[in-house]
Amino acid sequence: MKRKRLDRDIGWGFQGFPYYQFRLETGSFSGLVCLIDLLSGERFCWNFERAGAAPVSGQGMKWLQLIPDGKSRLITAMYKPDGALSVCYIDIIERLEFDPDGVAAYVDKYLDIDFTPEGDINILDRDELDEALGSGDISKSQYDAALKEGEDIFAEISRSIPEEVGRLGEIYKTVCEKVKNGEVSPLKTKYGK
């Protein structure tokens, strides 16, 4: 299993971004929140059947990352400069950890789900999960737990994508207000710092 930092300082090529990380307790969410404010960078899109070319990074976008208490998932909601949700990507995770600099990291358990407000929903990387079981990288119980978490997420989203988009939007609005009002400070202000 791969370990990945939530500041996404490796692999995405983000340039000069503030990274916020704090706990949030609201009526609809309890857990760790991270926000990456992409102040610069070229636009990059993923293609979907219904949404078409949906931006996932680029100047003016924000990534809201949520790790809900009691769940084995990392939700990354990618917001366009106008504040509209573009894509939501959900990693199934083994655990959450913290590096010495305070930045949260997760151990990725291969299986992922993404969806768009337009109604696209996909289960991703099942082949990687199967290969990990076959190679002994994960145990049968870890494999079964990943499948169960994936099934739960898919069922939750499938019930109503508009509801999930609205719930995420409320959390996003709350987080952005806290940042704007100075209630939270960036944990990192620039890549590599």
N, C-alpha and C. Protein backbone atom coordinates (compact mmCIF):
# COMPACT_ATOMS: atom_id res chain seq x y z
N MET A 1 0.84 -1.18 0.00
CA MET A 1 0.00 0.00 0.00
C MET A 1 0.88 1.24 0.00
N LYS A 2 0.43 2.25 -0.70
CA LYS A 2 1.18 3.50 -0.79
C LYS A 2 0.71 4.49 0.27
N ARG A 3 1.66 5.25 0.77
CA ARG A 3 1.38 6.29 1.74
C ARG A 3 1.46 7.65 1.02
N LYS A 4 0.43 8.49 1.22
CA LYS A 4 0.37 9.76 0.51
C LYS A 4 0.01 10.88 1.47
N ARG A 5 0.69 12.02 1.31
CA ARG A 5 0.42 13.19 2.14
C ARG A 5 -0.76 13.98 1.57
N LEU A 6 -1.54 14.55 2.47
CA LEU A 6 -2.71 15.30 2.02
C LEU A 6 -2.38 16.68 1.47
N ASP A 7 -1.15 17.15 1.65
CA ASP A 7 -0.79 18.42 1.01
C ASP A 7 -0.45 18.21 -0.46
N ARG A 8 -0.44 16.96 -0.90
CA ARG A 8 -0.24 16.58 -2.30
C ARG A 8 1.03 17.19 -2.87
N ASP A 9 2.09 17.24 -2.05
CA ASP A 9 3.32 17.89 -2.48
C ASP A 9 4.14 17.09 -3.47
N ILE A 10 3.74 15.88 -3.75
CA ILE A 10 4.46 15.05 -4.71
C ILE A 10 3.46 14.54 -5.76
N GLY A 11 3.83 14.69 -7.02
CA GLY A 11 3.05 14.07 -8.08
C GLY A 11 2.03 14.94 -8.78
N TRP A 12 1.61 16.04 -8.17
CA TRP A 12 0.58 16.86 -8.81
C TRP A 12 1.14 18.13 -9.42
N GLY A 13 2.34 18.51 -9.06
CA GLY A 13 2.95 19.69 -9.66
C GLY A 13 2.31 21.00 -9.26
N PHE A 14 1.65 21.03 -8.11
CA PHE A 14 1.06 22.27 -7.64
C PHE A 14 2.17 23.28 -7.39
N GLN A 15 1.89 24.54 -7.66
CA GLN A 15 2.89 25.59 -7.53
C GLN A 15 2.39 26.66 -6.58
N GLY A 16 3.05 26.82 -5.46
CA GLY A 16 2.74 27.91 -4.54
C GLY A 16 1.33 27.92 -4.02
N PHE A 17 0.98 26.99 -3.15
CA PHE A 17 -0.39 26.93 -2.65
C PHE A 17 -0.42 26.96 -1.13
N PRO A 18 -1.43 27.60 -0.54
CA PRO A 18 -1.67 27.45 0.89
C PRO A 18 -2.38 26.12 1.16
N TYR A 19 -1.98 25.48 2.24
CA TYR A 19 -2.58 24.21 2.65
C TYR A 19 -3.08 24.37 4.09
N TYR A 20 -4.39 24.18 4.26
CA TYR A 20 -5.04 24.28 5.56
C TYR A 20 -5.41 22.88 6.03
N GLN A 21 -5.31 22.65 7.33
CA GLN A 21 -5.67 21.34 7.90
C GLN A 21 -6.18 21.57 9.31
N PHE A 22 -7.39 21.09 9.59
CA PHE A 22 -7.96 21.25 10.93
C PHE A 22 -9.14 20.30 11.11
N ARG A 23 -9.56 20.13 12.35
CA ARG A 23 -10.75 19.33 12.65
C ARG A 23 -11.99 20.20 12.48
N LEU A 24 -13.05 19.58 11.99
CA LEU A 24 -14.32 20.30 11.82
C LEU A 24 -15.44 19.46 12.41
N GLU A 25 -16.29 20.11 13.16
CA GLU A 25 -17.48 19.48 13.73
C GLU A 25 -18.69 20.31 13.30
N THR A 26 -19.51 19.74 12.43
CA THR A 26 -20.76 20.42 12.03
C THR A 26 -21.88 19.39 12.12
N GLY A 27 -23.07 19.80 11.78
CA GLY A 27 -24.20 18.86 11.79
C GLY A 27 -24.06 17.75 10.78
N SER A 28 -23.35 18.01 9.67
CA SER A 28 -23.25 17.01 8.60
C SER A 28 -21.86 16.38 8.46
N PHE A 29 -20.89 16.86 9.27
CA PHE A 29 -19.55 16.31 9.15
C PHE A 29 -18.77 16.44 10.45
N SER A 30 -18.03 15.39 10.76
CA SER A 30 -17.12 15.39 11.89
C SER A 30 -15.86 14.66 11.46
N GLY A 31 -14.73 15.36 11.48
CA GLY A 31 -13.49 14.73 11.09
C GLY A 31 -12.43 15.72 10.68
N LEU A 32 -11.43 15.23 9.97
CA LEU A 32 -10.32 16.05 9.52
C LEU A 32 -10.66 16.71 8.19
N VAL A 33 -10.35 17.99 8.08
CA VAL A 33 -10.57 18.77 6.86
C VAL A 33 -9.24 19.33 6.39
N CYS A 34 -9.00 19.25 5.10
CA CYS A 34 -7.83 19.86 4.49
C CYS A 34 -8.32 20.65 3.27
N LEU A 35 -7.71 21.80 3.06
CA LEU A 35 -8.06 22.62 1.91
C LEU A 35 -6.77 23.04 1.22
N ILE A 36 -6.70 22.81 -0.08
CA ILE A 36 -5.58 23.27 -0.89
C ILE A 36 -6.14 24.33 -1.84
N ASP A 37 -5.54 25.51 -1.79
CA ASP A 37 -5.96 26.64 -2.61
C ASP A 37 -4.94 26.80 -3.74
N LEU A 38 -5.34 26.39 -4.94
CA LEU A 38 -4.41 26.40 -6.08
C LEU A 38 -4.31 27.80 -6.66
N LEU A 39 -3.30 28.52 -6.24
CA LEU A 39 -3.12 29.90 -6.66
C LEU A 39 -2.55 30.01 -8.07
N SER A 40 -1.95 28.94 -8.55
CA SER A 40 -1.35 28.95 -9.88
C SER A 40 -1.38 27.53 -10.44
N GLY A 41 -0.91 27.38 -11.66
CA GLY A 41 -0.84 26.06 -12.29
C GLY A 41 -1.74 25.98 -13.51
N GLU A 42 -1.34 25.11 -14.42
CA GLU A 42 -2.11 24.90 -15.64
C GLU A 42 -3.34 24.06 -15.37
N ARG A 43 -4.36 24.31 -16.15
CA ARG A 43 -5.61 23.56 -16.05
C ARG A 43 -5.39 22.14 -16.55
N PHE A 44 -5.88 21.18 -15.77
CA PHE A 44 -5.82 19.77 -16.14
C PHE A 44 -7.21 19.18 -15.94
N CYS A 45 -7.67 18.40 -16.92
CA CYS A 45 -9.03 17.85 -16.88
C CYS A 45 -9.03 16.34 -16.94
N TRP A 46 -10.07 15.73 -16.38
CA TRP A 46 -10.38 14.33 -16.58
C TRP A 46 -11.64 14.27 -17.43
N ASN A 47 -11.75 13.26 -18.27
CA ASN A 47 -12.91 13.12 -19.15
C ASN A 47 -13.93 12.14 -18.57
N PHE A 48 -15.18 12.55 -18.64
CA PHE A 48 -16.29 11.75 -18.15
C PHE A 48 -17.36 11.67 -19.24
N GLU A 49 -18.15 10.63 -19.17
CA GLU A 49 -19.20 10.42 -20.17
C GLU A 49 -20.22 11.56 -20.15
N ARG A 50 -20.72 11.92 -18.99
CA ARG A 50 -21.75 12.96 -18.89
C ARG A 50 -21.18 14.36 -18.72
N ALA A 51 -20.18 14.49 -17.86
CA ALA A 51 -19.62 15.81 -17.54
C ALA A 51 -18.67 16.31 -18.62
N GLY A 52 -18.18 15.42 -19.47
CA GLY A 52 -17.19 15.83 -20.47
C GLY A 52 -15.85 16.08 -19.80
N ALA A 53 -15.12 17.10 -20.27
CA ALA A 53 -13.81 17.44 -19.72
C ALA A 53 -14.01 18.24 -18.43
N ALA A 54 -13.81 17.59 -17.29
CA ALA A 54 -14.02 18.22 -15.99
C ALA A 54 -12.68 18.61 -15.39
N PRO A 55 -12.49 19.90 -15.06
CA PRO A 55 -11.21 20.31 -14.49
C PRO A 55 -10.98 19.71 -13.11
N VAL A 56 -9.73 19.29 -12.87
CA VAL A 56 -9.36 18.75 -11.56
C VAL A 56 -8.24 19.55 -10.90
N SER A 57 -7.52 20.33 -11.68
CA SER A 57 -6.51 21.22 -11.10
C SER A 57 -6.29 22.39 -12.05
N GLY A 58 -5.71 23.42 -11.50
CA GLY A 58 -5.44 24.63 -12.27
C GLY A 58 -5.67 25.86 -11.42
N GLN A 59 -5.16 26.96 -11.88
CA GLN A 59 -5.24 28.22 -11.15
C GLN A 59 -6.68 28.54 -10.75
N GLY A 60 -6.84 28.88 -9.47
CA GLY A 60 -8.15 29.27 -8.96
C GLY A 60 -8.99 28.15 -8.40
N MET A 61 -8.58 26.90 -8.62
CA MET A 61 -9.34 25.78 -8.08
C MET A 61 -8.99 25.57 -6.61
N LYS A 62 -9.88 24.89 -5.91
CA LYS A 62 -9.64 24.52 -4.51
C LYS A 62 -9.98 23.04 -4.36
N TRP A 63 -9.15 22.35 -3.58
CA TRP A 63 -9.42 20.95 -3.24
C TRP A 63 -9.81 20.89 -1.77
N LEU A 64 -11.02 20.40 -1.52
CA LEU A 64 -11.50 20.14 -0.17
C LEU A 64 -11.31 18.65 0.08
N GLN A 65 -10.52 18.31 1.11
CA GLN A 65 -10.28 16.90 1.44
C GLN A 65 -10.87 16.61 2.81
N LEU A 66 -11.63 15.55 2.91
CA LEU A 66 -12.33 15.20 4.14
C LEU A 66 -12.03 13.76 4.52
N ILE A 67 -11.69 13.55 5.79
CA ILE A 67 -11.59 12.19 6.32
C ILE A 67 -12.59 12.12 7.48
N PRO A 68 -13.77 11.57 7.22
CA PRO A 68 -14.80 11.52 8.26
C PRO A 68 -14.42 10.56 9.37
N ASP A 69 -14.74 10.93 10.60
CA ASP A 69 -14.52 10.04 11.75
C ASP A 69 -15.24 8.72 11.51
N GLY A 70 -14.58 7.62 11.87
CA GLY A 70 -15.21 6.31 11.83
C GLY A 70 -15.35 5.70 10.44
N LYS A 71 -14.77 6.32 9.43
CA LYS A 71 -14.84 5.81 8.05
C LYS A 71 -13.43 5.55 7.54
N SER A 72 -13.32 4.72 6.53
CA SER A 72 -12.03 4.40 5.91
C SER A 72 -11.99 5.00 4.51
N ARG A 73 -12.14 6.32 4.46
CA ARG A 73 -12.19 7.00 3.16
C ARG A 73 -11.61 8.40 3.25
N LEU A 74 -11.07 8.83 2.13
CA LEU A 74 -10.64 10.22 1.94
C LEU A 74 -11.45 10.76 0.78
N ILE A 75 -12.24 11.78 1.04
CA ILE A 75 -13.06 12.41 0.02
C ILE A 75 -12.32 13.66 -0.46
N THR A 76 -12.06 13.74 -1.75
CA THR A 76 -11.44 14.93 -2.33
C THR A 76 -12.43 15.55 -3.30
N ALA A 77 -12.98 16.70 -2.90
CA ALA A 77 -13.93 17.44 -3.73
C ALA A 77 -13.17 18.57 -4.40
N MET A 78 -13.15 18.57 -5.73
CA MET A 78 -12.37 19.52 -6.51
C MET A 78 -13.30 20.62 -7.03
N TYR A 79 -13.08 21.84 -6.53
CA TYR A 79 -13.96 22.95 -6.85
C TYR A 79 -13.34 23.90 -7.87
N LYS A 80 -14.16 24.32 -8.82
CA LYS A 80 -13.74 25.28 -9.86
C LYS A 80 -13.64 26.68 -9.25
N PRO A 81 -12.98 27.59 -9.96
CA PRO A 81 -12.84 28.96 -9.43
C PRO A 81 -14.17 29.63 -9.09
N ASP A 82 -15.25 29.25 -9.77
CA ASP A 82 -16.56 29.86 -9.47
C ASP A 82 -17.25 29.23 -8.26
N GLY A 83 -16.59 28.24 -7.62
CA GLY A 83 -17.15 27.60 -6.44
C GLY A 83 -18.02 26.39 -6.72
N ALA A 84 -18.16 26.00 -7.98
CA ALA A 84 -18.96 24.83 -8.34
C ALA A 84 -18.11 23.57 -8.25
N LEU A 85 -18.70 22.49 -7.75
CA LEU A 85 -18.00 21.21 -7.68
C LEU A 85 -17.78 20.69 -9.10
N SER A 86 -16.56 20.28 -9.39
CA SER A 86 -16.22 19.71 -10.69
C SER A 86 -16.22 18.19 -10.63
N VAL A 87 -15.39 17.64 -9.73
CA VAL A 87 -15.23 16.19 -9.59
C VAL A 87 -15.05 15.88 -8.11
N CYS A 88 -15.57 14.74 -7.69
CA CYS A 88 -15.31 14.23 -6.36
C CYS A 88 -14.64 12.87 -6.50
N TYR A 89 -13.50 12.69 -5.83
CA TYR A 89 -12.72 11.46 -5.91
C TYR A 89 -12.58 10.91 -4.50
N ILE A 90 -12.90 9.66 -4.31
CA ILE A 90 -12.88 9.07 -2.98
C ILE A 90 -11.92 7.89 -2.95
N ASP A 91 -10.89 8.02 -2.11
CA ASP A 91 -9.94 6.94 -1.90
C ASP A 91 -10.40 6.08 -0.72
N ILE A 92 -10.33 4.78 -0.86
CA ILE A 92 -10.51 3.88 0.27
C ILE A 92 -9.15 3.82 0.96
N ILE A 93 -9.13 4.03 2.28
CA ILE A 93 -7.85 4.10 2.97
C ILE A 93 -7.77 3.06 4.09
N GLU A 94 -6.54 2.71 4.41
CA GLU A 94 -6.27 1.79 5.52
C GLU A 94 -6.23 2.55 6.84
N ARG A 95 -5.52 3.70 6.83
CA ARG A 95 -5.42 4.48 8.07
C ARG A 95 -4.93 5.89 7.76
N LEU A 96 -5.08 6.74 8.77
CA LEU A 96 -4.61 8.12 8.74
C LEU A 96 -3.41 8.22 9.68
N GLU A 97 -2.39 8.96 9.24
CA GLU A 97 -1.19 9.18 10.04
C GLU A 97 -0.82 10.66 9.95
N PHE A 98 0.13 11.09 10.77
CA PHE A 98 0.61 12.47 10.72
C PHE A 98 2.13 12.47 10.66
N ASP A 99 2.69 13.26 9.75
CA ASP A 99 4.14 13.40 9.62
C ASP A 99 4.67 14.34 10.69
N PRO A 100 6.00 14.35 10.92
CA PRO A 100 6.57 15.23 11.93
C PRO A 100 6.24 16.71 11.73
N ASP A 101 6.02 17.14 10.48
CA ASP A 101 5.67 18.55 10.23
C ASP A 101 4.18 18.83 10.44
N GLY A 102 3.44 17.81 10.89
CA GLY A 102 2.02 17.98 11.20
C GLY A 102 1.08 17.68 10.06
N VAL A 103 1.60 17.48 8.85
CA VAL A 103 0.76 17.21 7.69
C VAL A 103 0.20 15.78 7.78
N ALA A 104 -1.10 15.66 7.54
CA ALA A 104 -1.75 14.35 7.55
C ALA A 104 -1.34 13.55 6.32
N ALA A 105 -1.27 12.24 6.51
CA ALA A 105 -0.97 11.31 5.42
C ALA A 105 -1.91 10.12 5.56
N TYR A 106 -2.18 9.47 4.44
CA TYR A 106 -3.04 8.29 4.49
C TYR A 106 -2.37 7.13 3.78
N VAL A 107 -2.75 5.94 4.20
CA VAL A 107 -2.28 4.73 3.54
C VAL A 107 -3.42 4.28 2.62
N ASP A 108 -3.14 4.34 1.33
CA ASP A 108 -4.13 4.10 0.28
C ASP A 108 -4.38 2.60 0.12
N LYS A 109 -5.64 2.22 0.04
CA LYS A 109 -6.00 0.81 -0.11
C LYS A 109 -6.56 0.51 -1.50
N TYR A 110 -5.98 1.17 -2.51
CA TYR A 110 -6.17 0.87 -3.93
C TYR A 110 -7.53 1.26 -4.50
N LEU A 111 -8.62 0.79 -3.94
CA LEU A 111 -9.95 0.98 -4.52
C LEU A 111 -10.38 2.44 -4.40
N ASP A 112 -10.96 2.99 -5.48
CA ASP A 112 -11.40 4.38 -5.51
C ASP A 112 -12.76 4.50 -6.20
N ILE A 113 -13.41 5.60 -5.92
CA ILE A 113 -14.70 5.91 -6.57
C ILE A 113 -14.64 7.39 -6.94
N ASP A 114 -15.14 7.72 -8.13
CA ASP A 114 -15.29 9.14 -8.45
C ASP A 114 -16.69 9.39 -8.96
N PHE A 115 -17.11 10.66 -8.84
CA PHE A 115 -18.40 11.05 -9.39
C PHE A 115 -18.39 12.52 -9.74
N THR A 116 -19.33 12.90 -10.60
CA THR A 116 -19.49 14.29 -11.00
C THR A 116 -20.92 14.73 -10.69
N PRO A 117 -21.15 16.02 -10.55
CA PRO A 117 -22.51 16.52 -10.32
C PRO A 117 -23.47 16.16 -11.46
N GLU A 118 -22.90 15.91 -12.65
CA GLU A 118 -23.73 15.59 -13.82
C GLU A 118 -24.24 14.15 -13.80
N GLY A 119 -23.77 13.34 -12.85
CA GLY A 119 -24.29 11.97 -12.71
C GLY A 119 -23.33 10.86 -13.06
N ASP A 120 -22.11 11.17 -13.43
CA ASP A 120 -21.11 10.12 -13.63
C ASP A 120 -20.77 9.52 -12.27
N ILE A 121 -20.60 8.21 -12.20
CA ILE A 121 -20.12 7.55 -10.99
C ILE A 121 -19.36 6.29 -11.41
N ASN A 122 -18.14 6.16 -10.92
CA ASN A 122 -17.27 5.06 -11.36
C ASN A 122 -16.54 4.43 -10.17
N ILE A 123 -16.42 3.12 -10.20
CA ILE A 123 -15.55 2.40 -9.28
C ILE A 123 -14.25 2.18 -10.02
N LEU A 124 -13.13 2.57 -9.40
CA LEU A 124 -11.84 2.56 -10.06
C LEU A 124 -10.84 1.65 -9.33
N ASP A 125 -9.92 1.12 -10.10
CA ASP A 125 -8.75 0.40 -9.59
C ASP A 125 -9.07 -0.89 -8.84
N ARG A 126 -10.18 -1.51 -9.18
CA ARG A 126 -10.50 -2.83 -8.60
C ARG A 126 -9.41 -3.83 -8.97
N ASP A 127 -8.86 -3.70 -10.19
CA ASP A 127 -7.80 -4.59 -10.62
C ASP A 127 -6.57 -4.46 -9.71
N GLU A 128 -6.25 -3.24 -9.29
CA GLU A 128 -5.11 -3.02 -8.39
C GLU A 128 -5.37 -3.66 -7.02
N LEU A 129 -6.60 -3.56 -6.55
CA LEU A 129 -6.96 -4.19 -5.28
C LEU A 129 -6.81 -5.70 -5.38
N ASP A 130 -7.30 -6.29 -6.49
CA ASP A 130 -7.19 -7.73 -6.70
C ASP A 130 -5.72 -8.16 -6.78
N GLU A 131 -4.91 -7.37 -7.48
CA GLU A 131 -3.47 -7.68 -7.60
C GLU A 131 -2.78 -7.61 -6.25
N ALA A 132 -3.16 -6.64 -5.43
CA ALA A 132 -2.56 -6.49 -4.10
C ALA A 132 -2.87 -7.71 -3.23
N LEU A 133 -4.08 -8.22 -3.34
CA LEU A 133 -4.43 -9.43 -2.60
C LEU A 133 -3.62 -10.61 -3.12
N GLY A 134 -3.54 -10.76 -4.44
CA GLY A 134 -2.80 -11.86 -5.05
C GLY A 134 -1.32 -11.85 -4.73
N SER A 135 -0.74 -10.65 -4.59
CA SER A 135 0.70 -10.53 -4.31
C SER A 135 1.01 -10.60 -2.81
N GLY A 136 -0.02 -10.57 -1.98
CA GLY A 136 0.20 -10.59 -0.53
C GLY A 136 0.44 -9.22 0.07
N ASP A 137 0.27 -8.16 -0.73
CA ASP A 137 0.45 -6.80 -0.21
C ASP A 137 -0.62 -6.45 0.81
N ILE A 138 -1.80 -7.04 0.66
CA ILE A 138 -2.87 -6.86 1.64
C ILE A 138 -3.42 -8.24 2.00
N SER A 139 -4.01 -8.32 3.18
CA SER A 139 -4.61 -9.57 3.64
C SER A 139 -6.04 -9.68 3.10
N LYS A 140 -6.62 -10.85 3.27
CA LYS A 140 -8.01 -11.07 2.85
C LYS A 140 -8.95 -10.16 3.64
N SER A 141 -8.67 -9.96 4.92
CA SER A 141 -9.55 -9.09 5.72
C SER A 141 -9.43 -7.63 5.27
N GLN A 142 -8.22 -7.17 4.90
CA GLN A 142 -8.06 -5.82 4.37
C GLN A 142 -8.79 -5.68 3.03
N TYR A 143 -8.69 -6.71 2.20
CA TYR A 143 -9.36 -6.74 0.90
C TYR A 143 -10.88 -6.64 1.08
N ASP A 144 -11.41 -7.49 1.97
CA ASP A 144 -12.85 -7.48 2.22
C ASP A 144 -13.32 -6.15 2.78
N ALA A 145 -12.51 -5.55 3.68
CA ALA A 145 -12.87 -4.25 4.25
C ALA A 145 -12.89 -3.17 3.18
N ALA A 146 -11.95 -3.21 2.24
CA ALA A 146 -11.92 -2.23 1.15
C ALA A 146 -13.17 -2.37 0.28
N LEU A 147 -13.53 -3.61 -0.06
CA LEU A 147 -14.73 -3.83 -0.87
C LEU A 147 -15.98 -3.34 -0.15
N LYS A 148 -16.07 -3.61 1.15
CA LYS A 148 -17.24 -3.20 1.93
C LYS A 148 -17.35 -1.68 1.97
N GLU A 149 -16.22 -0.99 2.22
CA GLU A 149 -16.23 0.48 2.26
C GLU A 149 -16.63 1.03 0.88
N GLY A 150 -16.08 0.43 -0.18
CA GLY A 150 -16.43 0.85 -1.54
C GLY A 150 -17.91 0.67 -1.83
N GLU A 151 -18.48 -0.47 -1.42
CA GLU A 151 -19.91 -0.72 -1.62
C GLU A 151 -20.75 0.30 -0.86
N ASP A 152 -20.34 0.60 0.38
CA ASP A 152 -21.08 1.58 1.18
C ASP A 152 -21.06 2.97 0.52
N ILE A 153 -19.89 3.38 0.06
CA ILE A 153 -19.76 4.69 -0.60
C ILE A 153 -20.61 4.74 -1.86
N PHE A 154 -20.51 3.71 -2.68
CA PHE A 154 -21.27 3.67 -3.94
C PHE A 154 -22.77 3.76 -3.65
N ALA A 155 -23.24 3.02 -2.64
CA ALA A 155 -24.67 3.05 -2.29
C ALA A 155 -25.09 4.44 -1.81
N GLU A 156 -24.25 5.07 -0.97
CA GLU A 156 -24.56 6.41 -0.46
C GLU A 156 -24.68 7.43 -1.59
N ILE A 157 -23.72 7.39 -2.50
CA ILE A 157 -23.72 8.36 -3.60
C ILE A 157 -24.85 8.07 -4.58
N SER A 158 -25.06 6.81 -4.88
CA SER A 158 -26.08 6.41 -5.86
C SER A 158 -27.49 6.83 -5.45
N ARG A 159 -27.74 6.90 -4.14
CA ARG A 159 -29.06 7.30 -3.66
C ARG A 159 -29.43 8.68 -4.17
N SER A 160 -28.45 9.61 -4.14
CA SER A 160 -28.73 10.96 -4.61
C SER A 160 -27.45 11.76 -4.77
N ILE A 161 -26.95 11.83 -5.99
CA ILE A 161 -25.78 12.64 -6.25
C ILE A 161 -26.05 14.11 -5.91
N PRO A 162 -27.22 14.68 -6.29
CA PRO A 162 -27.47 16.08 -5.91
C PRO A 162 -27.41 16.33 -4.40
N GLU A 163 -27.90 15.37 -3.61
CA GLU A 163 -27.82 15.52 -2.15
C GLU A 163 -26.37 15.55 -1.68
N GLU A 164 -25.57 14.64 -2.21
CA GLU A 164 -24.15 14.58 -1.83
C GLU A 164 -23.42 15.85 -2.27
N VAL A 165 -23.72 16.34 -3.46
CA VAL A 165 -23.11 17.59 -3.94
C VAL A 165 -23.49 18.74 -3.00
N GLY A 166 -24.75 18.78 -2.59
CA GLY A 166 -25.21 19.82 -1.66
C GLY A 166 -24.55 19.72 -0.30
N ARG A 167 -24.42 18.51 0.23
CA ARG A 167 -23.77 18.31 1.54
C ARG A 167 -22.32 18.76 1.48
N LEU A 168 -21.61 18.34 0.43
CA LEU A 168 -20.21 18.75 0.27
C LEU A 168 -20.11 20.27 0.11
N GLY A 169 -21.05 20.84 -0.62
CA GLY A 169 -21.06 22.29 -0.82
C GLY A 169 -21.20 23.07 0.48
N GLU A 170 -22.03 22.57 1.39
CA GLU A 170 -22.19 23.22 2.69
C GLU A 170 -20.90 23.16 3.49
N ILE A 171 -20.24 22.00 3.47
CA ILE A 171 -18.96 21.86 4.17
C ILE A 171 -17.93 22.79 3.54
N TYR A 172 -17.88 22.82 2.21
CA TYR A 172 -16.95 23.69 1.49
C TYR A 172 -17.16 25.15 1.87
N LYS A 173 -18.40 25.57 1.91
CA LYS A 173 -18.73 26.95 2.26
C LYS A 173 -18.26 27.26 3.68
N THR A 174 -18.50 26.36 4.61
CA THR A 174 -18.08 26.54 6.00
C THR A 174 -16.56 26.66 6.10
N VAL A 175 -15.85 25.77 5.41
CA VAL A 175 -14.39 25.78 5.44
C VAL A 175 -13.85 27.08 4.83
N CYS A 176 -14.38 27.47 3.69
CA CYS A 176 -13.91 28.70 3.03
C CYS A 176 -14.18 29.94 3.90
N GLU A 177 -15.31 29.96 4.61
CA GLU A 177 -15.61 31.07 5.52
C GLU A 177 -14.62 31.12 6.66
N LYS A 178 -14.27 29.96 7.23
CA LYS A 178 -13.29 29.91 8.31
C LYS A 178 -11.93 30.44 7.84
N VAL A 179 -11.55 30.06 6.63
CA VAL A 179 -10.28 30.54 6.07
C VAL A 179 -10.35 32.06 5.84
N LYS A 180 -11.42 32.51 5.21
CA LYS A 180 -11.57 33.94 4.90
C LYS A 180 -11.58 34.80 6.16
N ASN A 181 -12.23 34.29 7.21
CA ASN A 181 -12.35 35.04 8.46
C ASN A 181 -11.11 34.92 9.35
N GLY A 182 -10.11 34.17 8.90
CA GLY A 182 -8.88 34.02 9.67
C GLY A 182 -9.01 33.11 10.88
N GLU A 183 -10.06 32.27 10.90
CA GLU A 183 -10.25 31.36 12.03
C GLU A 183 -9.25 30.20 12.00
N VAL A 184 -8.68 29.93 10.82
CA VAL A 184 -7.65 28.90 10.68
C VAL A 184 -6.51 29.50 9.86
N SER A 185 -5.31 29.07 10.18
CA SER A 185 -4.13 29.53 9.45
C SER A 185 -3.60 28.39 8.61
N PRO A 186 -2.93 28.71 7.50
CA PRO A 186 -2.37 27.63 6.68
C PRO A 186 -1.28 26.88 7.44
N LEU A 187 -1.30 25.57 7.32
CA LEU A 187 -0.25 24.74 7.89
C LEU A 187 1.00 24.87 7.03
N LYS A 188 0.80 25.02 5.73
CA LYS A 188 1.88 25.26 4.78
C LYS A 188 1.44 26.38 3.86
N THR A 189 2.37 27.25 3.50
CA THR A 189 2.01 28.34 2.60
C THR A 189 2.60 28.18 1.22
N LYS A 190 3.52 27.27 1.07
CA LYS A 190 4.19 27.09 -0.22
C LYS A 190 4.76 25.69 -0.31
N TYR A 191 4.77 25.13 -1.50
CA TYR A 191 5.37 23.82 -1.72
C TYR A 191 6.79 23.80 -1.18
N GLY A 192 7.09 22.76 -0.42
CA GLY A 192 8.44 22.58 0.09
C GLY A 192 8.74 23.37 1.35
N LYS A 193 7.76 24.09 1.89
CA LYS A 193 8.01 24.89 3.10
C LYS A 193 7.18 24.36 4.24
